Amino acid sequence: MRFPLKIGLIFAASWIAFKMLALAINWSTNDIRFFVFVNMLFITTAASFSIYKEKRANPDNPLLQDIKNGLLSSLPYALIVSVFLYFYYEKIYPEFNENKLREIELRLEEKKTIGELRSSNPDMENKTDVEIKKAVMENSRTIHSAKFTMILSTLALMIYGTLNSIAISLIFRKVIFRQ
């Protein structure tokens, strides 16, 4: 198994262990922003480390090979983490999505929220409060589903990993290895 692939697998396993540890100690389980940033840090570090090690071993590698080495660690990372997120929100901690839906439902009980929705969205101007609540809840159920989370995280992590691989390869080439 190639070194960048090992790095991607190690960092994915580390992020999964970190997320499960946070759940076990009930630390920040309802705030996903922190975990998103840690996820971004892990995928960036995996790509950086694999590009750096491969560049050290083969300093004459072309730019495209450096980018491929970064992708070889970041794309498996993205797939593994995204599949884990599906199981996490579907089987391990489904209460997260249920709590988010309850929060939205409670906000929709306020007349002020319904009025804001009605005024901000021209399609809802002629709808009743019940129709607005039903439409918002259907949309929220879609957005707060494990499948949607998996699809969105796969797309986001793959794009982020690709852009990271390109940027890190260029930075290493121009700054660290001075080519």
N, C-alpha and C. Protein backbone atom coordinates (compact mmCIF):
# COMPACT_ATOMS: atom_id res chain seq x y z
N MET A 1 0.84 -1.17 0.00
CA MET A 1 0.00 0.00 0.00
C MET A 1 0.89 1.24 0.00
N ARG A 2 0.56 2.19 -0.85
CA ARG A 2 1.37 3.40 -0.97
C ARG A 2 1.25 4.26 0.27
N PHE A 3 2.30 5.00 0.56
CA PHE A 3 2.36 5.83 1.76
C PHE A 3 1.23 6.86 1.85
N PRO A 4 0.93 7.63 0.79
CA PRO A 4 -0.15 8.61 0.91
C PRO A 4 -1.51 7.98 1.23
N LEU A 5 -1.76 6.79 0.72
CA LEU A 5 -3.01 6.10 1.02
C LEU A 5 -3.06 5.71 2.50
N LYS A 6 -1.95 5.24 3.04
CA LYS A 6 -1.87 4.91 4.46
C LYS A 6 -2.15 6.15 5.32
N ILE A 7 -1.58 7.26 4.91
CA ILE A 7 -1.76 8.51 5.66
C ILE A 7 -3.24 8.91 5.66
N GLY A 8 -3.88 8.82 4.51
CA GLY A 8 -5.29 9.16 4.43
C GLY A 8 -6.14 8.26 5.32
N LEU A 9 -5.84 6.98 5.33
CA LEU A 9 -6.57 6.03 6.17
C LEU A 9 -6.32 6.29 7.65
N ILE A 10 -5.09 6.60 8.01
CA ILE A 10 -4.76 6.89 9.41
C ILE A 10 -5.47 8.14 9.90
N PHE A 11 -5.46 9.19 9.08
CA PHE A 11 -6.13 10.43 9.49
C PHE A 11 -7.65 10.26 9.53
N ALA A 12 -8.21 9.48 8.64
CA ALA A 12 -9.66 9.22 8.68
C ALA A 12 -10.02 8.45 9.95
N ALA A 13 -9.23 7.44 10.27
CA ALA A 13 -9.47 6.68 11.50
C ALA A 13 -9.30 7.57 12.73
N SER A 14 -8.34 8.48 12.69
CA SER A 14 -8.13 9.40 13.81
C SER A 14 -9.32 10.33 13.99
N TRP A 15 -9.85 10.84 12.88
CA TRP A 15 -11.01 11.74 12.99
C TRP A 15 -12.23 10.99 13.52
N ILE A 16 -12.42 9.77 13.05
CA ILE A 16 -13.54 8.96 13.52
C ILE A 16 -13.39 8.68 15.02
N ALA A 17 -12.19 8.34 15.45
CA ALA A 17 -11.95 8.10 16.88
C ALA A 17 -12.20 9.37 17.69
N PHE A 18 -11.79 10.50 17.16
CA PHE A 18 -12.00 11.79 17.84
C PHE A 18 -13.50 12.08 17.97
N LYS A 19 -14.25 11.86 16.91
CA LYS A 19 -15.70 12.10 16.92
C LYS A 19 -16.39 11.15 17.90
N MET A 20 -15.99 9.90 17.93
CA MET A 20 -16.60 8.94 18.84
C MET A 20 -16.22 9.23 20.30
N LEU A 21 -15.00 9.67 20.52
CA LEU A 21 -14.58 10.05 21.87
C LEU A 21 -15.40 11.24 22.36
N ALA A 22 -15.61 12.21 21.49
CA ALA A 22 -16.43 13.37 21.86
C ALA A 22 -17.85 12.95 22.20
N LEU A 23 -18.39 11.98 21.47
CA LEU A 23 -19.73 11.48 21.77
C LEU A 23 -19.73 10.73 23.10
N ALA A 24 -18.69 9.95 23.34
CA ALA A 24 -18.63 9.16 24.57
C ALA A 24 -18.58 10.05 25.82
N ILE A 25 -17.88 11.17 25.72
CA ILE A 25 -17.80 12.07 26.89
C ILE A 25 -18.82 13.20 26.78
N ASN A 26 -19.71 13.12 25.77
CA ASN A 26 -20.78 14.09 25.56
C ASN A 26 -20.23 15.52 25.48
N TRP A 27 -19.20 15.67 24.66
CA TRP A 27 -18.54 16.96 24.52
C TRP A 27 -18.91 17.58 23.17
N SER A 28 -19.61 18.67 23.22
CA SER A 28 -19.94 19.46 22.04
C SER A 28 -20.63 18.64 20.94
N THR A 29 -21.54 17.78 21.34
CA THR A 29 -22.17 16.89 20.37
C THR A 29 -23.21 17.60 19.51
N ASN A 30 -23.76 18.71 20.00
CA ASN A 30 -24.78 19.41 19.22
C ASN A 30 -24.24 20.60 18.44
N ASP A 31 -22.95 20.84 18.51
CA ASP A 31 -22.33 21.91 17.74
C ASP A 31 -21.35 21.28 16.75
N ILE A 32 -21.71 21.33 15.47
CA ILE A 32 -20.87 20.63 14.49
C ILE A 32 -19.75 21.50 13.94
N ARG A 33 -19.79 22.81 14.20
CA ARG A 33 -18.76 23.69 13.62
C ARG A 33 -17.35 23.27 14.01
N PHE A 34 -17.15 22.97 15.28
CA PHE A 34 -15.83 22.57 15.75
C PHE A 34 -15.35 21.33 15.00
N PHE A 35 -16.24 20.35 14.85
CA PHE A 35 -15.87 19.10 14.18
C PHE A 35 -15.61 19.31 12.69
N VAL A 36 -16.30 20.26 12.09
CA VAL A 36 -16.04 20.59 10.68
C VAL A 36 -14.63 21.15 10.53
N PHE A 37 -14.24 22.03 11.46
CA PHE A 37 -12.90 22.61 11.38
C PHE A 37 -11.81 21.57 11.66
N VAL A 38 -12.07 20.68 12.60
CA VAL A 38 -11.11 19.61 12.87
C VAL A 38 -11.00 18.69 11.64
N ASN A 39 -12.13 18.42 11.01
CA ASN A 39 -12.16 17.61 9.79
C ASN A 39 -11.31 18.27 8.71
N MET A 40 -11.48 19.57 8.53
CA MET A 40 -10.69 20.30 7.53
C MET A 40 -9.20 20.27 7.89
N LEU A 41 -8.89 20.39 9.17
CA LEU A 41 -7.49 20.33 9.60
C LEU A 41 -6.90 18.95 9.30
N PHE A 42 -7.63 17.89 9.58
CA PHE A 42 -7.13 16.54 9.36
C PHE A 42 -6.91 16.26 7.87
N ILE A 43 -7.83 16.66 7.02
CA ILE A 43 -7.66 16.37 5.59
C ILE A 43 -6.52 17.22 5.01
N THR A 44 -6.37 18.44 5.50
CA THR A 44 -5.26 19.29 5.05
C THR A 44 -3.93 18.72 5.51
N THR A 45 -3.89 18.27 6.75
CA THR A 45 -2.65 17.70 7.29
C THR A 45 -2.30 16.40 6.56
N ALA A 46 -3.29 15.59 6.28
CA ALA A 46 -3.02 14.33 5.56
C ALA A 46 -2.44 14.62 4.17
N ALA A 47 -3.04 15.55 3.45
CA ALA A 47 -2.54 15.88 2.11
C ALA A 47 -1.14 16.49 2.21
N SER A 48 -0.94 17.39 3.15
CA SER A 48 0.37 18.03 3.31
C SER A 48 1.46 17.02 3.65
N PHE A 49 1.16 16.17 4.60
CA PHE A 49 2.15 15.19 5.03
C PHE A 49 2.51 14.22 3.91
N SER A 50 1.52 13.77 3.17
CA SER A 50 1.80 12.81 2.10
C SER A 50 2.56 13.47 0.94
N ILE A 51 2.20 14.69 0.60
CA ILE A 51 2.93 15.40 -0.46
C ILE A 51 4.37 15.65 -0.02
N TYR A 52 4.53 16.09 1.22
CA TYR A 52 5.88 16.39 1.73
C TYR A 52 6.77 15.14 1.74
N LYS A 53 6.25 14.04 2.28
CA LYS A 53 7.06 12.82 2.35
C LYS A 53 7.42 12.29 0.96
N GLU A 54 6.45 12.30 0.05
CA GLU A 54 6.71 11.81 -1.31
C GLU A 54 7.69 12.74 -2.04
N LYS A 55 7.57 14.03 -1.78
CA LYS A 55 8.48 14.99 -2.43
C LYS A 55 9.89 14.84 -1.88
N ARG A 56 10.01 14.57 -0.59
CA ARG A 56 11.32 14.33 0.00
C ARG A 56 11.97 13.08 -0.60
N ALA A 57 11.17 12.05 -0.79
CA ALA A 57 11.70 10.80 -1.34
C ALA A 57 12.03 10.92 -2.82
N ASN A 58 11.22 11.68 -3.58
CA ASN A 58 11.42 11.85 -5.02
C ASN A 58 11.36 13.34 -5.37
N PRO A 59 12.45 14.06 -5.19
CA PRO A 59 12.42 15.51 -5.42
C PRO A 59 12.18 15.90 -6.88
N ASP A 60 12.36 14.98 -7.81
CA ASP A 60 12.19 15.31 -9.23
C ASP A 60 10.77 15.04 -9.73
N ASN A 61 9.85 14.69 -8.84
CA ASN A 61 8.47 14.45 -9.26
C ASN A 61 7.88 15.71 -9.89
N PRO A 62 7.14 15.55 -10.97
CA PRO A 62 6.48 16.72 -11.56
C PRO A 62 5.31 17.18 -10.68
N LEU A 63 4.81 18.37 -10.97
CA LEU A 63 3.71 18.95 -10.19
C LEU A 63 2.49 18.04 -10.17
N LEU A 64 2.17 17.45 -11.31
CA LEU A 64 1.00 16.58 -11.38
C LEU A 64 1.13 15.38 -10.44
N GLN A 65 2.31 14.84 -10.32
CA GLN A 65 2.53 13.71 -9.41
C GLN A 65 2.36 14.16 -7.95
N ASP A 66 2.81 15.36 -7.61
CA ASP A 66 2.61 15.88 -6.26
C ASP A 66 1.11 16.04 -5.95
N ILE A 67 0.37 16.55 -6.91
CA ILE A 67 -1.08 16.72 -6.73
C ILE A 67 -1.73 15.34 -6.55
N LYS A 68 -1.31 14.38 -7.36
CA LYS A 68 -1.87 13.03 -7.25
C LYS A 68 -1.56 12.41 -5.89
N ASN A 69 -0.38 12.68 -5.35
CA ASN A 69 -0.04 12.16 -4.02
C ASN A 69 -0.94 12.78 -2.95
N GLY A 70 -1.24 14.06 -3.10
CA GLY A 70 -2.16 14.70 -2.17
C GLY A 70 -3.56 14.12 -2.28
N LEU A 71 -3.99 13.88 -3.52
CA LEU A 71 -5.32 13.31 -3.74
C LEU A 71 -5.40 11.86 -3.25
N LEU A 72 -4.29 11.15 -3.34
CA LEU A 72 -4.27 9.76 -2.91
C LEU A 72 -4.51 9.64 -1.41
N SER A 73 -4.22 10.68 -0.67
CA SER A 73 -4.52 10.64 0.77
C SER A 73 -5.85 11.30 1.09
N SER A 74 -6.21 12.36 0.37
CA SER A 74 -7.42 13.11 0.75
C SER A 74 -8.71 12.49 0.23
N LEU A 75 -8.71 11.85 -0.91
CA LEU A 75 -9.95 11.27 -1.43
C LEU A 75 -10.42 10.04 -0.64
N PRO A 76 -9.55 9.10 -0.28
CA PRO A 76 -10.02 8.01 0.60
C PRO A 76 -10.48 8.55 1.96
N TYR A 77 -9.78 9.56 2.45
CA TYR A 77 -10.20 10.21 3.69
C TYR A 77 -11.63 10.72 3.55
N ALA A 78 -11.91 11.43 2.47
CA ALA A 78 -13.23 12.01 2.25
C ALA A 78 -14.30 10.92 2.18
N LEU A 79 -14.04 9.85 1.48
CA LEU A 79 -15.03 8.78 1.34
C LEU A 79 -15.28 8.07 2.66
N ILE A 80 -14.23 7.75 3.38
CA ILE A 80 -14.38 7.03 4.65
C ILE A 80 -15.12 7.89 5.67
N VAL A 81 -14.72 9.15 5.79
CA VAL A 81 -15.37 10.03 6.76
C VAL A 81 -16.83 10.26 6.39
N SER A 82 -17.12 10.41 5.12
CA SER A 82 -18.50 10.64 4.70
C SER A 82 -19.39 9.44 4.98
N VAL A 83 -18.89 8.25 4.70
CA VAL A 83 -19.67 7.04 5.01
C VAL A 83 -19.84 6.90 6.52
N PHE A 84 -18.81 7.22 7.27
CA PHE A 84 -18.94 7.19 8.73
C PHE A 84 -20.01 8.17 9.20
N LEU A 85 -20.04 9.37 8.61
CA LEU A 85 -21.04 10.36 9.01
C LEU A 85 -22.46 9.87 8.75
N TYR A 86 -22.64 9.13 7.67
CA TYR A 86 -23.96 8.54 7.42
C TYR A 86 -24.36 7.63 8.58
N PHE A 87 -23.49 6.71 8.93
CA PHE A 87 -23.81 5.78 10.01
C PHE A 87 -23.90 6.50 11.36
N TYR A 88 -23.09 7.51 11.55
CA TYR A 88 -23.12 8.27 12.80
C TYR A 88 -24.48 8.92 13.00
N TYR A 89 -24.98 9.61 11.97
CA TYR A 89 -26.26 10.31 12.11
C TYR A 89 -27.47 9.42 11.88
N GLU A 90 -27.27 8.26 11.29
CA GLU A 90 -28.38 7.34 11.08
C GLU A 90 -28.53 6.34 12.22
N LYS A 91 -27.44 5.78 12.71
CA LYS A 91 -27.50 4.69 13.69
C LYS A 91 -26.92 5.06 15.05
N ILE A 92 -25.79 5.75 15.07
CA ILE A 92 -25.08 5.99 16.32
C ILE A 92 -25.71 7.13 17.13
N TYR A 93 -25.97 8.25 16.46
CA TYR A 93 -26.49 9.43 17.17
C TYR A 93 -27.61 10.09 16.37
N PRO A 94 -28.73 9.38 16.16
CA PRO A 94 -29.84 9.97 15.39
C PRO A 94 -30.54 11.09 16.16
N GLU A 95 -30.29 11.19 17.45
CA GLU A 95 -30.91 12.24 18.25
C GLU A 95 -30.50 13.62 17.78
N PHE A 96 -29.33 13.73 17.17
CA PHE A 96 -28.87 15.03 16.69
C PHE A 96 -29.87 15.63 15.70
N ASN A 97 -30.23 14.85 14.68
CA ASN A 97 -31.17 15.34 13.67
C ASN A 97 -32.56 15.54 14.26
N GLU A 98 -32.96 14.65 15.16
CA GLU A 98 -34.26 14.79 15.80
C GLU A 98 -34.33 16.09 16.60
N ASN A 99 -33.24 16.41 17.32
CA ASN A 99 -33.20 17.66 18.10
C ASN A 99 -33.26 18.88 17.19
N LYS A 100 -32.55 18.83 16.08
CA LYS A 100 -32.58 19.96 15.13
C LYS A 100 -33.98 20.16 14.56
N LEU A 101 -34.66 19.07 14.24
CA LEU A 101 -36.03 19.17 13.71
C LEU A 101 -36.99 19.72 14.78
N ARG A 102 -36.80 19.30 16.03
CA ARG A 102 -37.63 19.83 17.12
C ARG A 102 -37.41 21.33 17.31
N GLU A 103 -36.14 21.76 17.20
CA GLU A 103 -35.84 23.20 17.31
C GLU A 103 -36.55 23.99 16.21
N ILE A 104 -36.52 23.47 15.01
CA ILE A 104 -37.18 24.15 13.89
C ILE A 104 -38.69 24.19 14.12
N GLU A 105 -39.23 23.08 14.61
CA GLU A 105 -40.67 23.01 14.89
C GLU A 105 -41.07 24.04 15.95
N LEU A 106 -40.23 24.17 16.97
CA LEU A 106 -40.53 25.16 18.02
C LEU A 106 -40.46 26.58 17.49
N ARG A 107 -39.48 26.84 16.63
CA ARG A 107 -39.38 28.18 16.03
C ARG A 107 -40.58 28.48 15.14
N LEU A 108 -41.10 27.45 14.48
CA LEU A 108 -42.25 27.65 13.60
C LEU A 108 -43.55 27.90 14.37
N GLU A 109 -43.54 27.64 15.66
CA GLU A 109 -44.72 27.92 16.48
C GLU A 109 -44.90 29.42 16.72
N GLU A 110 -43.84 30.18 16.54
CA GLU A 110 -43.90 31.62 16.76
C GLU A 110 -44.46 32.31 15.51
N LYS A 111 -45.38 33.21 15.72
CA LYS A 111 -45.98 33.96 14.61
C LYS A 111 -44.93 34.83 13.91
N LYS A 112 -43.97 35.31 14.67
CA LYS A 112 -42.93 36.17 14.10
C LYS A 112 -42.12 35.41 13.03
N THR A 113 -41.79 34.17 13.31
CA THR A 113 -41.02 33.35 12.36
C THR A 113 -41.82 33.11 11.09
N ILE A 114 -43.09 32.79 11.24
CA ILE A 114 -43.96 32.57 10.07
C ILE A 114 -44.05 33.85 9.25
N GLY A 115 -44.19 34.98 9.93
CA GLY A 115 -44.25 36.27 9.23
C GLY A 115 -42.97 36.57 8.47
N GLU A 116 -41.83 36.26 9.08
CA GLU A 116 -40.54 36.48 8.41
C GLU A 116 -40.42 35.59 7.18
N LEU A 117 -40.82 34.34 7.31
CA LEU A 117 -40.78 33.43 6.16
C LEU A 117 -41.69 33.92 5.04
N ARG A 118 -42.86 34.37 5.43
CA ARG A 118 -43.83 34.83 4.44
C ARG A 118 -43.30 36.08 3.71
N SER A 119 -42.67 36.98 4.44
CA SER A 119 -42.19 38.21 3.81
C SER A 119 -40.90 38.01 3.02
N SER A 120 -40.08 37.03 3.42
CA SER A 120 -38.80 36.83 2.73
C SER A 120 -38.92 35.94 1.50
N ASN A 121 -39.99 35.17 1.40
CA ASN A 121 -40.16 34.24 0.29
C ASN A 121 -41.48 34.54 -0.42
N PRO A 122 -41.42 35.07 -1.64
CA PRO A 122 -42.65 35.42 -2.35
C PRO A 122 -43.57 34.23 -2.62
N ASP A 123 -43.04 33.03 -2.69
CA ASP A 123 -43.88 31.85 -2.92
C ASP A 123 -44.79 31.53 -1.74
N MET A 124 -44.42 32.04 -0.57
CA MET A 124 -45.19 31.72 0.63
C MET A 124 -46.17 32.83 1.04
N GLU A 125 -46.25 33.89 0.26
CA GLU A 125 -47.12 35.01 0.63
C GLU A 125 -48.59 34.61 0.74
N ASN A 126 -49.05 33.74 -0.13
CA ASN A 126 -50.46 33.37 -0.17
C ASN A 126 -50.77 32.05 0.53
N LYS A 127 -49.80 31.50 1.22
CA LYS A 127 -50.01 30.22 1.90
C LYS A 127 -50.45 30.45 3.35
N THR A 128 -51.15 29.47 3.86
CA THR A 128 -51.57 29.54 5.26
C THR A 128 -50.39 29.16 6.15
N ASP A 129 -50.56 29.44 7.45
CA ASP A 129 -49.50 29.09 8.41
C ASP A 129 -49.23 27.58 8.40
N VAL A 130 -50.25 26.79 8.29
CA VAL A 130 -50.10 25.33 8.29
C VAL A 130 -49.33 24.87 7.05
N GLU A 131 -49.64 25.46 5.90
CA GLU A 131 -48.93 25.10 4.67
C GLU A 131 -47.46 25.49 4.74
N ILE A 132 -47.18 26.66 5.32
CA ILE A 132 -45.79 27.12 5.47
C ILE A 132 -45.03 26.17 6.40
N LYS A 133 -45.64 25.83 7.52
CA LYS A 133 -44.99 24.91 8.47
C LYS A 133 -44.70 23.56 7.81
N LYS A 134 -45.68 23.06 7.06
CA LYS A 134 -45.51 21.77 6.40
C LYS A 134 -44.36 21.82 5.38
N ALA A 135 -44.31 22.88 4.58
CA ALA A 135 -43.25 23.01 3.57
C ALA A 135 -41.87 23.14 4.22
N VAL A 136 -41.78 23.93 5.28
CA VAL A 136 -40.50 24.12 5.96
C VAL A 136 -40.05 22.81 6.62
N MET A 137 -40.96 22.09 7.23
CA MET A 137 -40.60 20.83 7.89
C MET A 137 -40.18 19.76 6.88
N GLU A 138 -40.83 19.71 5.72
CA GLU A 138 -40.42 18.75 4.69
C GLU A 138 -39.00 19.06 4.21
N ASN A 139 -38.74 20.33 3.98
CA ASN A 139 -37.40 20.76 3.56
C ASN A 139 -36.38 20.45 4.66
N SER A 140 -36.73 20.71 5.89
CA SER A 140 -35.82 20.47 7.01
C SER A 140 -35.54 18.98 7.19
N ARG A 141 -36.55 18.13 7.00
CA ARG A 141 -36.33 16.69 7.11
C ARG A 141 -35.33 16.20 6.05
N THR A 142 -35.41 16.79 4.87
CA THR A 142 -34.46 16.44 3.81
C THR A 142 -33.06 16.89 4.18
N ILE A 143 -32.94 18.12 4.62
CA ILE A 143 -31.62 18.68 4.94
C ILE A 143 -31.00 17.98 6.15
N HIS A 144 -31.80 17.64 7.13
CA HIS A 144 -31.29 17.01 8.35
C HIS A 144 -31.41 15.49 8.31
N SER A 145 -31.15 14.91 7.15
CA SER A 145 -31.14 13.46 7.05
C SER A 145 -29.69 12.98 6.92
N ALA A 146 -29.46 11.75 7.32
CA ALA A 146 -28.11 11.19 7.26
C ALA A 146 -27.62 11.06 5.82
N LYS A 147 -28.52 10.74 4.91
CA LYS A 147 -28.15 10.59 3.51
C LYS A 147 -27.68 11.92 2.92
N PHE A 148 -28.42 12.99 3.21
CA PHE A 148 -28.05 14.32 2.71
C PHE A 148 -26.70 14.75 3.29
N THR A 149 -26.50 14.46 4.58
CA THR A 149 -25.22 14.79 5.22
C THR A 149 -24.07 14.06 4.55
N MET A 150 -24.28 12.78 4.24
CA MET A 150 -23.23 12.00 3.59
C MET A 150 -22.91 12.56 2.20
N ILE A 151 -23.94 12.86 1.42
CA ILE A 151 -23.73 13.37 0.07
C ILE A 151 -23.02 14.72 0.12
N LEU A 152 -23.49 15.60 0.99
CA LEU A 152 -22.89 16.93 1.10
C LEU A 152 -21.45 16.86 1.60
N SER A 153 -21.20 16.02 2.59
CA SER A 153 -19.84 15.93 3.12
C SER A 153 -18.90 15.29 2.10
N THR A 154 -19.37 14.32 1.34
CA THR A 154 -18.53 13.72 0.29
C THR A 154 -18.14 14.77 -0.73
N LEU A 155 -19.12 15.50 -1.21
CA LEU A 155 -18.84 16.54 -2.20
C LEU A 155 -17.90 17.60 -1.64
N ALA A 156 -18.21 18.09 -0.46
CA ALA A 156 -17.40 19.16 0.13
C ALA A 156 -15.97 18.70 0.41
N LEU A 157 -15.82 17.52 0.99
CA LEU A 157 -14.47 17.04 1.30
C LEU A 157 -13.66 16.71 0.05
N MET A 158 -14.32 16.22 -0.98
CA MET A 158 -13.58 15.94 -2.22
C MET A 158 -13.12 17.23 -2.90
N ILE A 159 -13.99 18.21 -2.94
CA ILE A 159 -13.59 19.49 -3.52
C ILE A 159 -12.49 20.12 -2.68
N TYR A 160 -12.68 20.12 -1.37
CA TYR A 160 -11.69 20.71 -0.47
C TYR A 160 -10.35 19.97 -0.58
N GLY A 161 -10.40 18.65 -0.63
CA GLY A 161 -9.17 17.87 -0.76
C GLY A 161 -8.45 18.12 -2.08
N THR A 162 -9.21 18.26 -3.15
CA THR A 162 -8.61 18.53 -4.46
C THR A 162 -7.95 19.90 -4.48
N LEU A 163 -8.66 20.90 -4.01
CA LEU A 163 -8.09 22.25 -3.97
C LEU A 163 -6.90 22.33 -3.04
N ASN A 164 -6.99 21.62 -1.91
CA ASN A 164 -5.85 21.57 -0.99
C ASN A 164 -4.64 20.93 -1.65
N SER A 165 -4.84 19.84 -2.35
CA SER A 165 -3.72 19.15 -2.99
C SER A 165 -3.03 20.06 -4.00
N ILE A 166 -3.81 20.79 -4.75
CA ILE A 166 -3.24 21.72 -5.73
C ILE A 166 -2.48 22.84 -5.03
N ALA A 167 -3.12 23.47 -4.05
CA ALA A 167 -2.50 24.60 -3.35
C ALA A 167 -1.25 24.17 -2.58
N ILE A 168 -1.33 23.07 -1.88
CA ILE A 168 -0.20 22.60 -1.08
C ILE A 168 0.96 22.19 -1.99
N SER A 169 0.65 21.55 -3.11
CA SER A 169 1.71 21.17 -4.05
C SER A 169 2.43 22.41 -4.57
N LEU A 170 1.67 23.43 -4.92
CA LEU A 170 2.29 24.67 -5.41
C LEU A 170 3.10 25.36 -4.32
N ILE A 171 2.58 25.40 -3.11
CA ILE A 171 3.31 26.03 -2.00
C ILE A 171 4.59 25.27 -1.71
N PHE A 172 4.52 23.95 -1.61
CA PHE A 172 5.72 23.17 -1.35
C PHE A 172 6.74 23.36 -2.47
N ARG A 173 6.27 23.38 -3.70
CA ARG A 173 7.16 23.50 -4.86
C ARG A 173 7.87 24.86 -4.86
N LYS A 174 7.13 25.92 -4.57
CA LYS A 174 7.71 27.28 -4.65
C LYS A 174 8.42 27.72 -3.39
N VAL A 175 7.94 27.31 -2.22
CA VAL A 175 8.48 27.82 -0.97
C VAL A 175 9.45 26.85 -0.31
N ILE A 176 9.05 25.62 -0.12
CA ILE A 176 9.86 24.69 0.64
C ILE A 176 10.96 24.05 -0.20
N PHE A 177 10.61 23.55 -1.37
CA PHE A 177 11.59 22.86 -2.20
C PHE A 177 12.20 23.76 -3.26
N ARG A 178 11.73 24.96 -3.42
CA ARG A 178 12.28 25.99 -4.31
C ARG A 178 12.55 25.48 -5.71
N GLN A 179 11.50 25.03 -6.37
CA GLN A 179 11.64 24.55 -7.75
C GLN A 179 11.03 25.52 -8.70
